[in-house]
Amino acid sequence: MPTTSTRPATAAAHGGRPSAVSRDPRARRSREAVLRAAVEELGAVGYGAFTVESVAARAGIAKSTFYRHWPDGLAVISDALETFHAQMRPMDHSGSYREQLVVMLEHVAHILADSPFAACIPALVDGAERDPAVARFLHTYSAARRAELAAVVEAGIASGELPASADVTLVVLCLLGPLFYSRLMTNASFGEHDVRALVDAVLPPVTR
């Protein structure tokens, strides 16, 4: 895999965010502009054509400025996805485990249907098939997102609302599968309004 500036190629990208983020508001705004440019560029051209030069040009910065913050293209992709996930994820963790699942899955459905990140998913899936570094990043990032949902399912088991025999991994895959299948394999995204029905289908309400 080449180590030149033209491709997001190295495993160093798994480090994600820069080691120190400036407290200067202008620096923070500049950094977020680059992260947003990276997301937009990835969605627009795919991973194969994604380069440090193209991100720098889209963000309106010098390539040397880019390298002061990220070692390569995959690093800025990782930083962008982690940063914007932290900013956008639902903060309301109240209610039953079912209500929490609905809120989280409605958020995922919204992201997949109407956000700059939606186009990044097929780009990263394609990149993961061709580049082991991208595959490692995508699998690690996806596992972390599934773990957030798994924690809610485990809370349902702990509260007695789900049977102790429930397979947490299988439940999470059954909940997320229709959303990502719809995005990647059909011409229609999974609607937020259908999320509650999905949760009820995968986890039928317990009648007491």
N, C-alpha and C. Protein backbone atom coordinates (compact mmCIF):
# COMPACT_ATOMS: atom_id res chain seq x y z
N MET A 1 0.86 -1.19 0.00
CA MET A 1 0.00 0.00 0.00
C MET A 1 0.89 1.24 0.00
N PRO A 2 0.69 2.18 -0.91
CA PRO A 2 1.57 3.34 -0.98
C PRO A 2 1.47 4.19 0.26
N THR A 3 2.56 4.87 0.57
CA THR A 3 2.59 5.73 1.75
C THR A 3 2.67 7.20 1.37
N THR A 4 2.43 7.52 0.09
CA THR A 4 2.45 8.91 -0.33
C THR A 4 1.20 9.61 0.16
N SER A 5 1.15 10.91 -0.06
CA SER A 5 0.05 11.72 0.47
C SER A 5 -1.24 11.52 -0.30
N THR A 6 -1.19 10.81 -1.42
CA THR A 6 -2.36 10.79 -2.27
C THR A 6 -3.41 9.80 -1.84
N ARG A 7 -3.12 8.85 -0.93
CA ARG A 7 -4.11 7.86 -0.56
C ARG A 7 -4.20 7.72 0.95
N PRO A 8 -5.43 7.48 1.48
CA PRO A 8 -5.61 7.26 2.91
C PRO A 8 -5.26 5.83 3.24
N ALA A 9 -3.98 5.50 3.36
CA ALA A 9 -3.60 4.11 3.29
C ALA A 9 -3.11 3.47 4.56
N THR A 10 -2.58 4.20 5.51
CA THR A 10 -1.83 3.54 6.56
C THR A 10 -2.67 3.19 7.76
N ALA A 11 -2.18 2.20 8.50
CA ALA A 11 -2.89 1.76 9.71
C ALA A 11 -2.81 2.79 10.81
N ALA A 12 -1.97 3.80 10.67
CA ALA A 12 -1.89 4.85 11.69
C ALA A 12 -3.21 5.56 11.84
N ALA A 13 -4.05 5.44 10.80
CA ALA A 13 -5.35 6.10 10.86
C ALA A 13 -6.20 5.62 12.01
N HIS A 14 -5.91 4.45 12.51
CA HIS A 14 -6.74 3.91 13.59
C HIS A 14 -6.60 4.72 14.86
N GLY A 15 -5.62 5.61 14.90
CA GLY A 15 -5.49 6.47 16.06
C GLY A 15 -6.62 7.47 16.17
N GLY A 16 -7.29 7.75 15.03
CA GLY A 16 -8.47 8.62 15.06
C GLY A 16 -8.12 10.07 15.27
N ARG A 17 -8.53 10.63 16.40
CA ARG A 17 -8.41 12.07 16.61
C ARG A 17 -6.97 12.49 16.85
N PRO A 18 -6.64 13.73 16.51
CA PRO A 18 -5.32 14.26 16.84
C PRO A 18 -5.08 14.19 18.34
N SER A 19 -3.81 14.11 18.74
CA SER A 19 -3.48 13.91 20.15
C SER A 19 -3.93 15.07 21.02
N ALA A 20 -4.02 16.28 20.45
CA ALA A 20 -4.47 17.43 21.25
C ALA A 20 -5.31 18.33 20.37
N VAL A 21 -6.44 18.73 20.89
CA VAL A 21 -7.33 19.62 20.15
C VAL A 21 -7.23 21.01 20.77
N SER A 22 -6.95 21.99 19.92
CA SER A 22 -6.77 23.35 20.43
C SER A 22 -8.05 23.87 21.06
N ARG A 23 -7.89 24.68 22.11
CA ARG A 23 -9.04 25.33 22.73
C ARG A 23 -9.40 26.63 22.03
N ASP A 24 -8.59 27.04 21.07
CA ASP A 24 -8.86 28.24 20.30
C ASP A 24 -10.12 28.00 19.45
N PRO A 25 -11.18 28.82 19.63
CA PRO A 25 -12.42 28.61 18.86
C PRO A 25 -12.18 28.59 17.35
N ARG A 26 -11.27 29.43 16.88
CA ARG A 26 -11.00 29.46 15.45
C ARG A 26 -10.38 28.15 14.99
N ALA A 27 -9.48 27.60 15.82
CA ALA A 27 -8.85 26.34 15.48
C ALA A 27 -9.88 25.21 15.48
N ARG A 28 -10.81 25.25 16.45
CA ARG A 28 -11.85 24.22 16.50
C ARG A 28 -12.74 24.30 15.27
N ARG A 29 -13.10 25.53 14.87
CA ARG A 29 -13.95 25.69 13.69
C ARG A 29 -13.23 25.21 12.44
N SER A 30 -11.94 25.51 12.36
CA SER A 30 -11.15 25.08 11.21
C SER A 30 -11.06 23.56 11.15
N ARG A 31 -10.85 22.95 12.32
CA ARG A 31 -10.76 21.48 12.38
C ARG A 31 -12.09 20.85 11.95
N GLU A 32 -13.20 21.38 12.44
CA GLU A 32 -14.50 20.82 12.08
C GLU A 32 -14.78 21.02 10.59
N ALA A 33 -14.29 22.11 10.02
CA ALA A 33 -14.47 22.33 8.59
C ALA A 33 -13.74 21.25 7.79
N VAL A 34 -12.55 20.87 8.25
CA VAL A 34 -11.81 19.82 7.57
C VAL A 34 -12.52 18.47 7.74
N LEU A 35 -13.02 18.20 8.94
CA LEU A 35 -13.73 16.94 9.16
C LEU A 35 -14.98 16.86 8.29
N ARG A 36 -15.70 17.97 8.18
CA ARG A 36 -16.89 17.96 7.34
C ARG A 36 -16.50 17.81 5.88
N ALA A 37 -15.43 18.44 5.48
CA ALA A 37 -14.95 18.30 4.10
C ALA A 37 -14.58 16.85 3.81
N ALA A 38 -14.00 16.17 4.79
CA ALA A 38 -13.62 14.77 4.60
C ALA A 38 -14.85 13.90 4.38
N VAL A 39 -15.89 14.14 5.19
CA VAL A 39 -17.14 13.37 5.04
C VAL A 39 -17.77 13.64 3.68
N GLU A 40 -17.83 14.89 3.29
CA GLU A 40 -18.44 15.25 2.01
C GLU A 40 -17.64 14.66 0.85
N GLU A 41 -16.33 14.72 0.94
CA GLU A 41 -15.49 14.20 -0.14
C GLU A 41 -15.62 12.69 -0.25
N LEU A 42 -15.61 12.00 0.89
CA LEU A 42 -15.74 10.54 0.87
C LEU A 42 -17.07 10.13 0.25
N GLY A 43 -18.14 10.80 0.64
CA GLY A 43 -19.45 10.47 0.08
C GLY A 43 -19.55 10.80 -1.40
N ALA A 44 -18.84 11.83 -1.84
CA ALA A 44 -18.96 12.29 -3.22
C ALA A 44 -18.15 11.43 -4.19
N VAL A 45 -16.94 11.02 -3.78
CA VAL A 45 -16.05 10.36 -4.74
C VAL A 45 -15.76 8.90 -4.39
N GLY A 46 -16.14 8.45 -3.19
CA GLY A 46 -15.81 7.09 -2.80
C GLY A 46 -14.41 7.01 -2.22
N TYR A 47 -14.12 5.87 -1.58
CA TYR A 47 -12.82 5.74 -0.95
C TYR A 47 -11.67 5.67 -1.95
N GLY A 48 -11.91 5.04 -3.09
CA GLY A 48 -10.84 4.85 -4.06
C GLY A 48 -10.26 6.15 -4.59
N ALA A 49 -11.10 7.18 -4.70
CA ALA A 49 -10.65 8.48 -5.22
C ALA A 49 -10.42 9.50 -4.12
N PHE A 50 -10.58 9.09 -2.88
CA PHE A 50 -10.42 10.00 -1.74
C PHE A 50 -8.94 10.25 -1.50
N THR A 51 -8.53 11.52 -1.45
CA THR A 51 -7.13 11.86 -1.21
C THR A 51 -7.02 13.00 -0.22
N VAL A 52 -5.86 13.10 0.38
CA VAL A 52 -5.57 14.22 1.28
C VAL A 52 -5.67 15.53 0.52
N GLU A 53 -5.16 15.54 -0.71
CA GLU A 53 -5.21 16.76 -1.52
C GLU A 53 -6.65 17.22 -1.76
N SER A 54 -7.53 16.26 -2.05
CA SER A 54 -8.92 16.65 -2.34
C SER A 54 -9.62 17.18 -1.10
N VAL A 55 -9.33 16.61 0.06
CA VAL A 55 -9.93 17.09 1.30
C VAL A 55 -9.42 18.49 1.62
N ALA A 56 -8.10 18.69 1.48
CA ALA A 56 -7.52 19.99 1.76
C ALA A 56 -8.10 21.06 0.83
N ALA A 57 -8.26 20.71 -0.44
CA ALA A 57 -8.82 21.67 -1.39
C ALA A 57 -10.27 21.99 -1.05
N ARG A 58 -11.05 20.97 -0.67
CA ARG A 58 -12.46 21.20 -0.33
C ARG A 58 -12.58 22.07 0.92
N ALA A 59 -11.66 21.86 1.87
CA ALA A 59 -11.69 22.62 3.13
C ALA A 59 -11.03 23.98 3.00
N GLY A 60 -10.30 24.21 1.91
CA GLY A 60 -9.63 25.49 1.71
C GLY A 60 -8.40 25.67 2.57
N ILE A 61 -7.66 24.57 2.81
CA ILE A 61 -6.44 24.66 3.61
C ILE A 61 -5.27 24.12 2.81
N ALA A 62 -4.06 24.41 3.27
CA ALA A 62 -2.87 23.86 2.66
C ALA A 62 -2.69 22.40 3.10
N LYS A 63 -2.07 21.62 2.24
CA LYS A 63 -1.83 20.21 2.59
C LYS A 63 -0.94 20.10 3.82
N SER A 64 0.00 21.03 3.96
CA SER A 64 0.88 21.01 5.13
C SER A 64 0.09 21.22 6.42
N THR A 65 -0.97 22.03 6.36
CA THR A 65 -1.83 22.24 7.52
C THR A 65 -2.55 20.95 7.89
N PHE A 66 -3.01 20.24 6.87
CA PHE A 66 -3.67 18.95 7.11
C PHE A 66 -2.74 18.02 7.89
N TYR A 67 -1.50 17.92 7.45
CA TYR A 67 -0.57 16.96 8.06
C TYR A 67 -0.12 17.37 9.47
N ARG A 68 -0.39 18.58 9.86
CA ARG A 68 -0.10 18.95 11.24
C ARG A 68 -1.11 18.33 12.21
N HIS A 69 -2.23 17.87 11.68
CA HIS A 69 -3.30 17.33 12.52
C HIS A 69 -3.57 15.84 12.30
N TRP A 70 -3.39 15.36 11.08
CA TRP A 70 -3.69 13.96 10.78
C TRP A 70 -2.56 13.37 9.94
N PRO A 71 -2.20 12.10 10.18
CA PRO A 71 -1.11 11.50 9.42
C PRO A 71 -1.50 11.08 8.02
N ASP A 72 -2.79 10.82 7.78
CA ASP A 72 -3.21 10.35 6.46
C ASP A 72 -4.73 10.47 6.32
N GLY A 73 -5.24 10.03 5.19
CA GLY A 73 -6.65 10.19 4.91
C GLY A 73 -7.56 9.36 5.79
N LEU A 74 -7.16 8.14 6.09
CA LEU A 74 -8.01 7.30 6.92
C LEU A 74 -8.12 7.85 8.34
N ALA A 75 -7.07 8.50 8.79
CA ALA A 75 -7.10 9.12 10.12
C ALA A 75 -8.15 10.22 10.19
N VAL A 76 -8.26 11.03 9.15
CA VAL A 76 -9.25 12.12 9.19
C VAL A 76 -10.66 11.56 9.04
N ILE A 77 -10.82 10.47 8.29
CA ILE A 77 -12.13 9.82 8.20
C ILE A 77 -12.54 9.30 9.57
N SER A 78 -11.61 8.62 10.25
CA SER A 78 -11.89 8.10 11.59
C SER A 78 -12.26 9.22 12.54
N ASP A 79 -11.48 10.29 12.53
CA ASP A 79 -11.73 11.44 13.40
C ASP A 79 -13.10 12.05 13.11
N ALA A 80 -13.42 12.18 11.83
CA ALA A 80 -14.70 12.79 11.45
C ALA A 80 -15.87 11.95 11.94
N LEU A 81 -15.83 10.66 11.72
CA LEU A 81 -16.95 9.81 12.12
C LEU A 81 -17.11 9.78 13.63
N GLU A 82 -16.00 9.69 14.35
CA GLU A 82 -16.08 9.66 15.81
C GLU A 82 -16.57 11.00 16.36
N THR A 83 -16.05 12.08 15.81
CA THR A 83 -16.42 13.42 16.30
C THR A 83 -17.90 13.70 16.07
N PHE A 84 -18.36 13.47 14.85
CA PHE A 84 -19.75 13.80 14.53
C PHE A 84 -20.71 12.82 15.18
N HIS A 85 -20.28 11.58 15.40
CA HIS A 85 -21.13 10.64 16.13
C HIS A 85 -21.36 11.14 17.56
N ALA A 86 -20.28 11.60 18.20
CA ALA A 86 -20.39 12.10 19.57
C ALA A 86 -21.30 13.33 19.64
N GLN A 87 -21.26 14.17 18.61
CA GLN A 87 -22.07 15.38 18.59
C GLN A 87 -23.53 15.10 18.31
N MET A 88 -23.82 14.07 17.52
CA MET A 88 -25.16 13.87 17.00
C MET A 88 -25.95 12.79 17.74
N ARG A 89 -25.30 11.94 18.52
CA ARG A 89 -26.03 10.83 19.12
C ARG A 89 -27.05 11.34 20.14
N PRO A 90 -28.17 10.64 20.27
CA PRO A 90 -29.21 11.08 21.21
C PRO A 90 -28.69 11.09 22.64
N MET A 91 -29.06 12.12 23.38
CA MET A 91 -28.60 12.25 24.76
C MET A 91 -29.62 11.74 25.77
N ASP A 92 -30.85 11.51 25.33
CA ASP A 92 -31.91 11.08 26.24
C ASP A 92 -31.80 9.58 26.49
N HIS A 93 -31.38 9.21 27.69
CA HIS A 93 -31.26 7.81 28.05
C HIS A 93 -32.31 7.41 29.07
N SER A 94 -33.40 8.17 29.12
CA SER A 94 -34.47 7.86 30.07
C SER A 94 -35.47 6.90 29.43
N GLY A 95 -36.41 6.43 30.24
CA GLY A 95 -37.43 5.54 29.72
C GLY A 95 -37.02 4.09 29.78
N SER A 96 -37.92 3.23 29.35
CA SER A 96 -37.65 1.79 29.36
C SER A 96 -36.59 1.45 28.34
N TYR A 97 -36.10 0.22 28.41
CA TYR A 97 -35.10 -0.19 27.43
C TYR A 97 -35.68 -0.15 26.02
N ARG A 98 -36.99 -0.44 25.88
CA ARG A 98 -37.62 -0.42 24.56
C ARG A 98 -37.65 1.02 24.02
N GLU A 99 -37.99 1.96 24.87
CA GLU A 99 -38.02 3.35 24.42
C GLU A 99 -36.62 3.83 24.03
N GLN A 100 -35.63 3.40 24.77
CA GLN A 100 -34.26 3.78 24.43
C GLN A 100 -33.85 3.17 23.08
N LEU A 101 -34.25 1.92 22.85
CA LEU A 101 -33.95 1.30 21.56
C LEU A 101 -34.62 2.06 20.43
N VAL A 102 -35.87 2.46 20.62
CA VAL A 102 -36.59 3.20 19.58
C VAL A 102 -35.88 4.52 19.27
N VAL A 103 -35.48 5.25 20.31
CA VAL A 103 -34.80 6.53 20.11
C VAL A 103 -33.49 6.33 19.35
N MET A 104 -32.72 5.33 19.75
CA MET A 104 -31.43 5.10 19.11
C MET A 104 -31.59 4.66 17.66
N LEU A 105 -32.55 3.78 17.40
CA LEU A 105 -32.75 3.28 16.04
C LEU A 105 -33.38 4.34 15.14
N GLU A 106 -34.24 5.20 15.70
CA GLU A 106 -34.77 6.31 14.90
C GLU A 106 -33.63 7.24 14.48
N HIS A 107 -32.67 7.42 15.38
CA HIS A 107 -31.50 8.24 15.05
C HIS A 107 -30.71 7.61 13.91
N VAL A 108 -30.47 6.30 14.00
CA VAL A 108 -29.74 5.61 12.92
C VAL A 108 -30.50 5.72 11.61
N ALA A 109 -31.82 5.51 11.65
CA ALA A 109 -32.62 5.60 10.43
C ALA A 109 -32.53 6.99 9.81
N HIS A 110 -32.55 8.01 10.66
CA HIS A 110 -32.44 9.38 10.15
C HIS A 110 -31.08 9.62 9.50
N ILE A 111 -30.02 9.16 10.15
CA ILE A 111 -28.67 9.33 9.60
C ILE A 111 -28.53 8.64 8.26
N LEU A 112 -29.08 7.42 8.16
CA LEU A 112 -28.96 6.65 6.92
C LEU A 112 -29.80 7.25 5.80
N ALA A 113 -30.88 7.94 6.17
CA ALA A 113 -31.79 8.47 5.14
C ALA A 113 -31.42 9.86 4.68
N ASP A 114 -30.94 10.70 5.58
CA ASP A 114 -30.82 12.12 5.25
C ASP A 114 -29.67 12.76 6.00
N SER A 115 -28.46 12.42 5.62
CA SER A 115 -27.28 13.06 6.20
C SER A 115 -26.09 12.82 5.28
N PRO A 116 -25.06 13.65 5.37
CA PRO A 116 -23.87 13.43 4.55
C PRO A 116 -23.20 12.09 4.84
N PHE A 117 -23.48 11.51 6.00
CA PHE A 117 -22.83 10.26 6.38
C PHE A 117 -23.39 9.06 5.63
N ALA A 118 -24.62 9.18 5.13
CA ALA A 118 -25.24 8.06 4.44
C ALA A 118 -24.41 7.59 3.26
N ALA A 119 -23.87 8.53 2.49
CA ALA A 119 -23.07 8.17 1.32
C ALA A 119 -21.71 7.62 1.69
N CYS A 120 -21.28 7.85 2.94
CA CYS A 120 -19.98 7.33 3.37
C CYS A 120 -20.03 5.82 3.58
N ILE A 121 -21.20 5.28 3.89
CA ILE A 121 -21.29 3.87 4.23
C ILE A 121 -20.91 2.98 3.05
N PRO A 122 -21.55 3.13 1.87
CA PRO A 122 -21.11 2.30 0.74
C PRO A 122 -19.66 2.55 0.35
N ALA A 123 -19.19 3.80 0.53
CA ALA A 123 -17.79 4.11 0.21
C ALA A 123 -16.85 3.32 1.12
N LEU A 124 -17.17 3.24 2.40
CA LEU A 124 -16.32 2.51 3.34
C LEU A 124 -16.45 1.00 3.16
N VAL A 125 -17.63 0.53 2.85
CA VAL A 125 -17.81 -0.91 2.60
C VAL A 125 -16.96 -1.32 1.40
N ASP A 126 -17.00 -0.51 0.35
CA ASP A 126 -16.19 -0.79 -0.84
C ASP A 126 -14.70 -0.72 -0.49
N GLY A 127 -14.30 0.31 0.27
CA GLY A 127 -12.91 0.44 0.65
C GLY A 127 -12.43 -0.73 1.50
N ALA A 128 -13.31 -1.21 2.38
CA ALA A 128 -12.94 -2.33 3.27
C ALA A 128 -12.69 -3.61 2.49
N GLU A 129 -13.35 -3.77 1.35
CA GLU A 129 -13.14 -4.95 0.52
C GLU A 129 -11.78 -4.93 -0.17
N ARG A 130 -11.19 -3.75 -0.27
CA ARG A 130 -9.96 -3.59 -1.06
C ARG A 130 -8.74 -3.24 -0.21
N ASP A 131 -8.97 -2.75 1.01
CA ASP A 131 -7.86 -2.24 1.82
C ASP A 131 -8.01 -2.78 3.24
N PRO A 132 -7.06 -3.60 3.72
CA PRO A 132 -7.17 -4.17 5.06
C PRO A 132 -7.23 -3.11 6.16
N ALA A 133 -6.57 -1.98 5.97
CA ALA A 133 -6.61 -0.93 6.99
C ALA A 133 -8.01 -0.35 7.12
N VAL A 134 -8.68 -0.16 5.99
CA VAL A 134 -10.06 0.34 6.03
C VAL A 134 -10.97 -0.71 6.67
N ALA A 135 -10.74 -1.97 6.34
CA ALA A 135 -11.55 -3.04 6.93
C ALA A 135 -11.41 -3.06 8.45
N ARG A 136 -10.18 -2.92 8.94
CA ARG A 136 -9.97 -2.92 10.39
C ARG A 136 -10.68 -1.74 11.04
N PHE A 137 -10.54 -0.57 10.41
CA PHE A 137 -11.22 0.61 10.96
C PHE A 137 -12.72 0.43 10.97
N LEU A 138 -13.30 0.01 9.82
CA LEU A 138 -14.75 -0.09 9.70
C LEU A 138 -15.31 -1.12 10.68
N HIS A 139 -14.63 -2.24 10.82
CA HIS A 139 -15.11 -3.29 11.73
C HIS A 139 -15.03 -2.83 13.19
N THR A 140 -13.96 -2.12 13.53
CA THR A 140 -13.81 -1.61 14.90
C THR A 140 -14.85 -0.54 15.20
N TYR A 141 -15.03 0.38 14.26
CA TYR A 141 -16.00 1.46 14.44
C TYR A 141 -17.41 0.88 14.56
N SER A 142 -17.75 -0.05 13.69
CA SER A 142 -19.08 -0.64 13.71
C SER A 142 -19.33 -1.43 14.99
N ALA A 143 -18.30 -2.13 15.47
CA ALA A 143 -18.45 -2.89 16.72
C ALA A 143 -18.74 -1.96 17.89
N ALA A 144 -18.10 -0.80 17.90
CA ALA A 144 -18.34 0.17 18.98
C ALA A 144 -19.78 0.69 18.93
N ARG A 145 -20.31 0.92 17.74
CA ARG A 145 -21.68 1.39 17.61
C ARG A 145 -22.67 0.29 18.02
N ARG A 146 -22.39 -0.95 17.65
CA ARG A 146 -23.26 -2.05 18.05
C ARG A 146 -23.24 -2.23 19.56
N ALA A 147 -22.10 -1.98 20.18
CA ALA A 147 -21.97 -2.14 21.63
C ALA A 147 -22.90 -1.18 22.37
N GLU A 148 -23.11 0.01 21.82
CA GLU A 148 -24.02 0.98 22.44
C GLU A 148 -25.44 0.43 22.47
N LEU A 149 -25.85 -0.20 21.37
CA LEU A 149 -27.18 -0.79 21.31
C LEU A 149 -27.25 -2.04 22.20
N ALA A 150 -26.17 -2.82 22.20
CA ALA A 150 -26.14 -4.03 23.01
C ALA A 150 -26.29 -3.71 24.49
N ALA A 151 -25.73 -2.59 24.93
CA ALA A 151 -25.83 -2.22 26.34
C ALA A 151 -27.28 -1.99 26.74
N VAL A 152 -28.09 -1.45 25.83
CA VAL A 152 -29.50 -1.22 26.12
C VAL A 152 -30.25 -2.55 26.17
N VAL A 153 -29.93 -3.45 25.26
CA VAL A 153 -30.56 -4.78 25.28
C VAL A 153 -30.20 -5.50 26.57
N GLU A 154 -28.94 -5.40 26.97
CA GLU A 154 -28.52 -6.04 28.22
C GLU A 154 -29.25 -5.44 29.42
N ALA A 155 -29.55 -4.14 29.35
CA ALA A 155 -30.33 -3.52 30.43
C ALA A 155 -31.73 -4.10 30.49
N GLY A 156 -32.29 -4.41 29.33
CA GLY A 156 -33.60 -5.05 29.28
C GLY A 156 -33.59 -6.43 29.90
N ILE A 157 -32.49 -7.15 29.71
CA ILE A 157 -32.35 -8.48 30.33
C ILE A 157 -32.21 -8.32 31.84
N ALA A 158 -31.39 -7.36 32.26
CA ALA A 158 -31.15 -7.15 33.69
C ALA A 158 -32.42 -6.75 34.42
N SER A 159 -33.31 -6.01 33.75
CA SER A 159 -34.54 -5.56 34.38
C SER A 159 -35.64 -6.63 34.35
N GLY A 160 -35.38 -7.72 33.66
CA GLY A 160 -36.38 -8.77 33.56
C GLY A 160 -37.37 -8.56 32.44
N GLU A 161 -37.21 -7.49 31.65
CA GLU A 161 -38.12 -7.23 30.54
C GLU A 161 -37.81 -8.10 29.33
N LEU A 162 -36.61 -8.64 29.30
CA LEU A 162 -36.22 -9.62 28.28
C LEU A 162 -35.77 -10.89 28.99
N PRO A 163 -35.97 -12.04 28.37
CA PRO A 163 -35.52 -13.28 29.01
C PRO A 163 -34.00 -13.35 29.09
N ALA A 164 -33.50 -14.00 30.12
CA ALA A 164 -32.05 -14.12 30.31
C ALA A 164 -31.40 -14.88 29.16
N SER A 165 -32.19 -15.67 28.46
CA SER A 165 -31.66 -16.47 27.36
C SER A 165 -31.52 -15.69 26.06
N ALA A 166 -31.95 -14.44 26.05
CA ALA A 166 -31.89 -13.65 24.82
C ALA A 166 -30.46 -13.52 24.33
N ASP A 167 -30.25 -13.72 23.05
CA ASP A 167 -28.93 -13.60 22.41
C ASP A 167 -28.72 -12.13 22.03
N VAL A 168 -27.93 -11.43 22.82
CA VAL A 168 -27.77 -9.98 22.64
C VAL A 168 -27.21 -9.66 21.26
N THR A 169 -26.20 -10.39 20.84
CA THR A 169 -25.59 -10.13 19.53
C THR A 169 -26.60 -10.31 18.41
N LEU A 170 -27.39 -11.38 18.48
CA LEU A 170 -28.39 -11.64 17.44
C LEU A 170 -29.49 -10.58 17.45
N VAL A 171 -29.91 -10.16 18.62
CA VAL A 171 -30.94 -9.12 18.72
C VAL A 171 -30.45 -7.83 18.06
N VAL A 172 -29.23 -7.43 18.36
CA VAL A 172 -28.68 -6.20 17.78
C VAL A 172 -28.60 -6.30 16.26
N LEU A 173 -28.14 -7.43 15.75
CA LEU A 173 -28.05 -7.60 14.30
C LEU A 173 -29.44 -7.57 13.66
N CYS A 174 -30.42 -8.16 14.31
CA CYS A 174 -31.79 -8.15 13.78
C CYS A 174 -32.39 -6.75 13.78
N LEU A 175 -32.01 -5.93 14.74
CA LEU A 175 -32.52 -4.56 14.80
C LEU A 175 -31.85 -3.66 13.76
N LEU A 176 -30.55 -3.80 13.60
CA LEU A 176 -29.82 -2.93 12.68
C LEU A 176 -29.89 -3.41 11.23
N GLY A 177 -30.03 -4.71 11.05
CA GLY A 177 -29.98 -5.28 9.71
C GLY A 177 -30.94 -4.64 8.71
N PRO A 178 -32.23 -4.51 9.05
CA PRO A 178 -33.15 -3.92 8.08
C PRO A 178 -32.80 -2.49 7.69
N LEU A 179 -32.24 -1.72 8.63
CA LEU A 179 -31.89 -0.33 8.32
C LEU A 179 -30.77 -0.27 7.30
N PHE A 180 -29.72 -1.07 7.52
CA PHE A 180 -28.58 -1.02 6.62
C PHE A 180 -28.87 -1.75 5.31
N TYR A 181 -29.67 -2.81 5.36
CA TYR A 181 -30.05 -3.49 4.12
C TYR A 181 -30.84 -2.54 3.23
N SER A 182 -31.77 -1.82 3.82
CA SER A 182 -32.57 -0.88 3.05
C SER A 182 -31.68 0.18 2.40
N ARG A 183 -30.69 0.68 3.15
CA ARG A 183 -29.82 1.73 2.62
C ARG A 183 -28.92 1.22 1.50
N LEU A 184 -28.41 0.00 1.65
CA LEU A 184 -27.40 -0.50 0.71
C LEU A 184 -27.97 -1.31 -0.44
N MET A 185 -29.13 -1.93 -0.24
CA MET A 185 -29.59 -2.92 -1.21
C MET A 185 -30.94 -2.60 -1.84
N THR A 186 -31.58 -1.50 -1.43
CA THR A 186 -32.86 -1.13 -2.02
C THR A 186 -32.83 0.34 -2.41
N ASN A 187 -33.91 0.79 -3.03
CA ASN A 187 -33.98 2.19 -3.44
C ASN A 187 -34.75 3.04 -2.44
N ALA A 188 -34.96 2.51 -1.24
CA ALA A 188 -35.70 3.27 -0.22
C ALA A 188 -35.05 3.06 1.14
N SER A 189 -34.89 4.14 1.88
CA SER A 189 -34.34 4.03 3.22
C SER A 189 -35.42 3.54 4.19
N PHE A 190 -34.98 2.96 5.29
CA PHE A 190 -35.90 2.50 6.33
C PHE A 190 -36.44 3.71 7.07
N GLY A 191 -37.75 3.86 7.10
CA GLY A 191 -38.35 5.06 7.68
C GLY A 191 -38.28 5.09 9.19
N GLU A 192 -38.05 6.28 9.72
CA GLU A 192 -38.05 6.44 11.17
C GLU A 192 -39.39 6.00 11.77
N HIS A 193 -40.46 6.22 11.02
CA HIS A 193 -41.79 5.87 11.53
C HIS A 193 -42.01 4.37 11.62
N ASP A 194 -41.12 3.59 11.01
CA ASP A 194 -41.25 2.13 11.05
C ASP A 194 -40.42 1.50 12.16
N VAL A 195 -39.66 2.30 12.86
CA VAL A 195 -38.73 1.75 13.86
C VAL A 195 -39.46 1.05 14.99
N ARG A 196 -40.51 1.65 15.49
CA ARG A 196 -41.21 1.03 16.63
C ARG A 196 -41.78 -0.34 16.23
N ALA A 197 -42.30 -0.44 15.01
CA ALA A 197 -42.81 -1.72 14.54
C ALA A 197 -41.69 -2.74 14.43
N LEU A 198 -40.51 -2.30 14.02
CA LEU A 198 -39.35 -3.19 13.95
C LEU A 198 -38.99 -3.71 15.33
N VAL A 199 -38.92 -2.83 16.31
CA VAL A 199 -38.59 -3.25 17.67
C VAL A 199 -39.63 -4.24 18.18
N ASP A 200 -40.90 -3.98 17.90
CA ASP A 200 -41.96 -4.89 18.34
C ASP A 200 -41.86 -6.25 17.65
N ALA A 201 -41.43 -6.25 16.38
CA ALA A 201 -41.30 -7.51 15.64
C ALA A 201 -40.14 -8.35 16.15
N VAL A 202 -39.02 -7.68 16.44
CA VAL A 202 -37.84 -8.40 16.92
C VAL A 202 -37.99 -8.78 18.39
N LEU A 203 -38.59 -7.89 19.16
CA LEU A 203 -38.76 -8.09 20.60
C LEU A 203 -40.24 -7.87 20.95
N PRO A 204 -41.07 -8.85 20.73
CA PRO A 204 -42.50 -8.67 21.01
C PRO A 204 -42.72 -8.23 22.45
N PRO A 205 -43.60 -7.26 22.66
CA PRO A 205 -43.86 -6.79 24.03
C PRO A 205 -44.33 -7.93 24.93
N VAL A 206 -43.85 -7.91 26.15
CA VAL A 206 -44.20 -8.95 27.12
C VAL A 206 -45.57 -8.61 27.70
N THR A 207 -46.46 -9.58 27.64
CA THR A 207 -47.78 -9.39 28.25
C THR A 207 -47.79 -10.04 29.62
N ARG A 208 -48.19 -9.27 30.60
CA ARG A 208 -48.16 -9.77 31.98
C ARG A 208 -49.58 -10.02 32.47
